[in-house]
Amino acid sequence: MVERFEVKLANGEVESAETLWGARHIIARRAAFDTNPLRPTNVLPAEIWKTGGGGFGGRSFVETVETVGELSQNDPDQL
């Protein structure tokens, strides 16, 4: 089964990405173009879920992004 990532934004919208990087990029792009990019309340907090794998209902929680600054941090698994 193909693993994908799902992004749930604060305003209730949901978008899909093929990679974790892609999911984080969706959040960064949406925050940058929000009505108030300095306080993107329509976007943050956002949740990232992995879909298509095993587990409960075929999805598992990955992370919650609460601030734009979190998007520029290195992923500890890739260091």
N, C-alpha and C. Protein backbone atom coordinates (compact mmCIF):
# COMPACT_ATOMS: atom_id res chain seq x y z
N MET A 1 0.83 -1.17 0.00
CA MET A 1 0.00 0.00 0.00
C MET A 1 0.89 1.25 0.00
N VAL A 2 0.52 2.25 -0.75
CA VAL A 2 1.30 3.47 -0.88
C VAL A 2 1.06 4.36 0.33
N GLU A 3 2.16 4.81 0.94
CA GLU A 3 2.04 5.73 2.06
C GLU A 3 1.98 7.16 1.54
N ARG A 4 1.07 7.93 2.09
CA ARG A 4 0.94 9.34 1.76
C ARG A 4 0.79 10.10 3.07
N PHE A 5 0.85 11.40 2.97
CA PHE A 5 0.69 12.24 4.15
C PHE A 5 -0.49 13.17 3.94
N GLU A 6 -1.23 13.38 5.00
CA GLU A 6 -2.40 14.24 4.97
C GLU A 6 -2.17 15.40 5.93
N VAL A 7 -2.46 16.61 5.48
CA VAL A 7 -2.29 17.81 6.29
C VAL A 7 -3.67 18.34 6.63
N LYS A 8 -3.94 18.49 7.94
CA LYS A 8 -5.19 19.08 8.40
C LYS A 8 -4.88 20.46 8.94
N LEU A 9 -5.41 21.48 8.27
CA LEU A 9 -5.15 22.86 8.66
C LEU A 9 -6.15 23.32 9.72
N ALA A 10 -5.82 24.41 10.39
CA ALA A 10 -6.67 24.93 11.47
C ALA A 10 -8.07 25.31 10.99
N ASN A 11 -8.20 25.71 9.74
CA ASN A 11 -9.51 26.11 9.22
C ASN A 11 -10.35 24.91 8.75
N GLY A 12 -9.82 23.69 8.94
CA GLY A 12 -10.57 22.48 8.59
C GLY A 12 -10.24 21.91 7.23
N GLU A 13 -9.49 22.63 6.41
CA GLU A 13 -9.14 22.11 5.09
C GLU A 13 -8.13 20.97 5.23
N VAL A 14 -8.17 20.05 4.27
CA VAL A 14 -7.27 18.90 4.25
C VAL A 14 -6.60 18.84 2.89
N GLU A 15 -5.27 18.66 2.89
CA GLU A 15 -4.51 18.49 1.64
C GLU A 15 -3.64 17.25 1.77
N SER A 16 -3.25 16.67 0.64
CA SER A 16 -2.42 15.47 0.62
C SER A 16 -1.06 15.75 0.01
N ALA A 17 -0.07 14.98 0.46
CA ALA A 17 1.29 15.08 -0.07
C ALA A 17 1.88 13.67 -0.13
N GLU A 18 2.89 13.50 -0.99
CA GLU A 18 3.51 12.19 -1.13
C GLU A 18 4.63 11.96 -0.12
N THR A 19 5.18 13.04 0.46
CA THR A 19 6.28 12.91 1.41
C THR A 19 6.04 13.80 2.62
N LEU A 20 6.77 13.54 3.69
CA LEU A 20 6.69 14.40 4.87
C LEU A 20 7.17 15.80 4.52
N TRP A 21 8.22 15.90 3.73
CA TRP A 21 8.71 17.20 3.30
C TRP A 21 7.61 17.94 2.54
N GLY A 22 6.91 17.24 1.67
CA GLY A 22 5.83 17.85 0.92
C GLY A 22 4.70 18.34 1.82
N ALA A 23 4.39 17.58 2.85
CA ALA A 23 3.35 17.99 3.80
C ALA A 23 3.76 19.25 4.54
N ARG A 24 5.02 19.31 4.97
CA ARG A 24 5.51 20.50 5.67
C ARG A 24 5.56 21.69 4.71
N HIS A 25 5.84 21.44 3.45
CA HIS A 25 5.89 22.51 2.45
C HIS A 25 4.48 23.10 2.22
N ILE A 26 3.47 22.25 2.24
CA ILE A 26 2.09 22.72 2.11
C ILE A 26 1.78 23.70 3.24
N ILE A 27 2.16 23.34 4.45
CA ILE A 27 1.90 24.21 5.60
C ILE A 27 2.65 25.54 5.45
N ALA A 28 3.91 25.47 5.06
CA ALA A 28 4.72 26.69 4.91
C ALA A 28 4.14 27.60 3.83
N ARG A 29 3.75 27.02 2.72
CA ARG A 29 3.18 27.81 1.62
C ARG A 29 1.87 28.45 2.02
N ARG A 30 1.01 27.67 2.67
CA ARG A 30 -0.29 28.21 3.09
C ARG A 30 -0.12 29.30 4.15
N ALA A 31 0.85 29.14 5.05
CA ALA A 31 1.10 30.16 6.07
C ALA A 31 1.62 31.45 5.42
N ALA A 32 2.49 31.32 4.44
CA ALA A 32 3.07 32.49 3.78
C ALA A 32 2.02 33.31 3.04
N PHE A 33 0.98 32.65 2.54
CA PHE A 33 -0.04 33.34 1.76
C PHE A 33 -1.37 33.47 2.51
N ASP A 34 -1.33 33.29 3.84
CA ASP A 34 -2.53 33.48 4.64
C ASP A 34 -2.89 34.97 4.68
N THR A 35 -4.09 35.28 5.11
CA THR A 35 -4.51 36.68 5.16
C THR A 35 -3.60 37.52 6.06
N ASN A 36 -3.04 36.90 7.10
CA ASN A 36 -2.07 37.57 7.96
C ASN A 36 -0.88 36.61 8.13
N PRO A 37 0.14 36.71 7.28
CA PRO A 37 1.26 35.76 7.33
C PRO A 37 2.05 35.82 8.64
N LEU A 38 1.95 36.92 9.37
CA LEU A 38 2.66 37.00 10.65
C LEU A 38 1.94 36.24 11.76
N ARG A 39 0.66 35.99 11.54
CA ARG A 39 -0.14 35.21 12.49
C ARG A 39 -1.15 34.38 11.70
N PRO A 40 -0.67 33.30 11.09
CA PRO A 40 -1.52 32.51 10.17
C PRO A 40 -2.52 31.61 10.90
N THR A 41 -3.54 32.20 11.50
CA THR A 41 -4.52 31.44 12.28
C THR A 41 -5.40 30.54 11.42
N ASN A 42 -5.46 30.78 10.13
CA ASN A 42 -6.23 29.88 9.25
C ASN A 42 -5.46 28.60 8.96
N VAL A 43 -4.17 28.60 9.24
CA VAL A 43 -3.32 27.47 8.90
C VAL A 43 -2.84 26.72 10.16
N LEU A 44 -2.38 27.46 11.15
CA LEU A 44 -1.78 26.85 12.33
C LEU A 44 -2.71 26.91 13.53
N PRO A 45 -2.72 25.88 14.36
CA PRO A 45 -1.91 24.68 14.29
C PRO A 45 -2.40 23.72 13.20
N ALA A 46 -1.47 23.01 12.62
CA ALA A 46 -1.77 22.04 11.57
C ALA A 46 -1.27 20.66 12.01
N GLU A 47 -1.99 19.64 11.62
CA GLU A 47 -1.59 18.27 11.95
C GLU A 47 -1.17 17.54 10.68
N ILE A 48 -0.16 16.70 10.82
CA ILE A 48 0.28 15.84 9.71
C ILE A 48 0.02 14.40 10.11
N TRP A 49 -0.64 13.67 9.22
CA TRP A 49 -0.96 12.26 9.43
C TRP A 49 -0.40 11.44 8.28
N LYS A 50 0.10 10.25 8.59
CA LYS A 50 0.54 9.31 7.55
C LYS A 50 -0.64 8.40 7.26
N THR A 51 -0.96 8.26 5.98
CA THR A 51 -2.10 7.42 5.59
C THR A 51 -1.61 6.29 4.69
N GLY A 52 -2.43 5.28 4.57
CA GLY A 52 -2.14 4.19 3.66
C GLY A 52 -1.30 3.07 4.25
N GLY A 53 -0.89 3.19 5.49
CA GLY A 53 -0.11 2.14 6.11
C GLY A 53 -0.99 1.27 6.98
N GLY A 54 -0.35 0.40 7.73
CA GLY A 54 -1.09 -0.43 8.68
C GLY A 54 -1.49 0.41 9.87
N GLY A 55 -2.02 -0.24 10.87
CA GLY A 55 -2.39 0.49 12.08
C GLY A 55 -3.88 0.71 12.16
N PHE A 56 -4.26 1.57 13.05
CA PHE A 56 -5.67 1.82 13.32
C PHE A 56 -6.28 2.67 12.21
N GLY A 57 -7.13 2.07 11.44
CA GLY A 57 -7.81 2.80 10.37
C GLY A 57 -6.90 3.19 9.23
N GLY A 58 -5.68 2.62 9.16
CA GLY A 58 -4.77 2.91 8.07
C GLY A 58 -4.11 4.27 8.16
N ARG A 59 -4.10 4.88 9.33
CA ARG A 59 -3.49 6.20 9.48
C ARG A 59 -2.79 6.29 10.82
N SER A 60 -1.74 7.11 10.87
CA SER A 60 -1.04 7.33 12.12
C SER A 60 -0.60 8.79 12.21
N PHE A 61 -0.64 9.30 13.42
CA PHE A 61 -0.29 10.69 13.67
C PHE A 61 1.21 10.87 13.54
N VAL A 62 1.65 11.95 12.87
CA VAL A 62 3.07 12.23 12.71
C VAL A 62 3.49 13.40 13.59
N GLU A 63 2.87 14.58 13.39
CA GLU A 63 3.24 15.74 14.20
C GLU A 63 2.19 16.84 14.11
N THR A 64 2.27 17.75 15.08
CA THR A 64 1.48 18.98 15.06
C THR A 64 2.46 20.13 14.88
N VAL A 65 2.18 20.99 13.92
CA VAL A 65 3.01 22.18 13.69
C VAL A 65 2.24 23.35 14.28
N GLU A 66 2.80 23.98 15.31
CA GLU A 66 2.12 25.08 15.98
C GLU A 66 2.65 26.44 15.58
N THR A 67 3.91 26.51 15.14
CA THR A 67 4.50 27.79 14.75
C THR A 67 5.24 27.64 13.42
N VAL A 68 5.38 28.74 12.71
CA VAL A 68 6.10 28.72 11.44
C VAL A 68 7.56 28.36 11.67
N GLY A 69 8.13 28.76 12.81
CA GLY A 69 9.52 28.45 13.13
C GLY A 69 9.82 26.97 13.17
N GLU A 70 8.84 26.17 13.52
CA GLU A 70 9.04 24.71 13.57
C GLU A 70 9.33 24.14 12.19
N LEU A 71 8.86 24.80 11.16
CA LEU A 71 9.05 24.29 9.80
C LEU A 71 10.49 24.43 9.32
N SER A 72 11.26 25.31 9.95
CA SER A 72 12.65 25.49 9.51
C SER A 72 13.62 24.66 10.33
N GLN A 73 13.13 23.92 11.29
CA GLN A 73 14.00 23.04 12.08
C GLN A 73 14.30 21.78 11.32
N ASN A 74 15.47 21.22 11.57
CA ASN A 74 15.87 19.96 10.92
C ASN A 74 15.09 18.81 11.52
N ASP A 75 14.75 17.86 10.69
CA ASP A 75 14.10 16.65 11.14
C ASP A 75 15.15 15.76 11.81
N PRO A 76 15.00 15.44 13.09
CA PRO A 76 16.03 14.65 13.78
C PRO A 76 16.27 13.28 13.18
N ASP A 77 15.27 12.72 12.48
CA ASP A 77 15.44 11.40 11.86
C ASP A 77 16.33 11.46 10.63
N GLN A 78 16.52 12.65 10.07
CA GLN A 78 17.32 12.78 8.84
C GLN A 78 18.73 13.28 9.11
N LEU A 79 19.09 13.50 10.36
CA LEU A 79 20.44 13.98 10.70
C LEU A 79 21.42 12.83 10.76
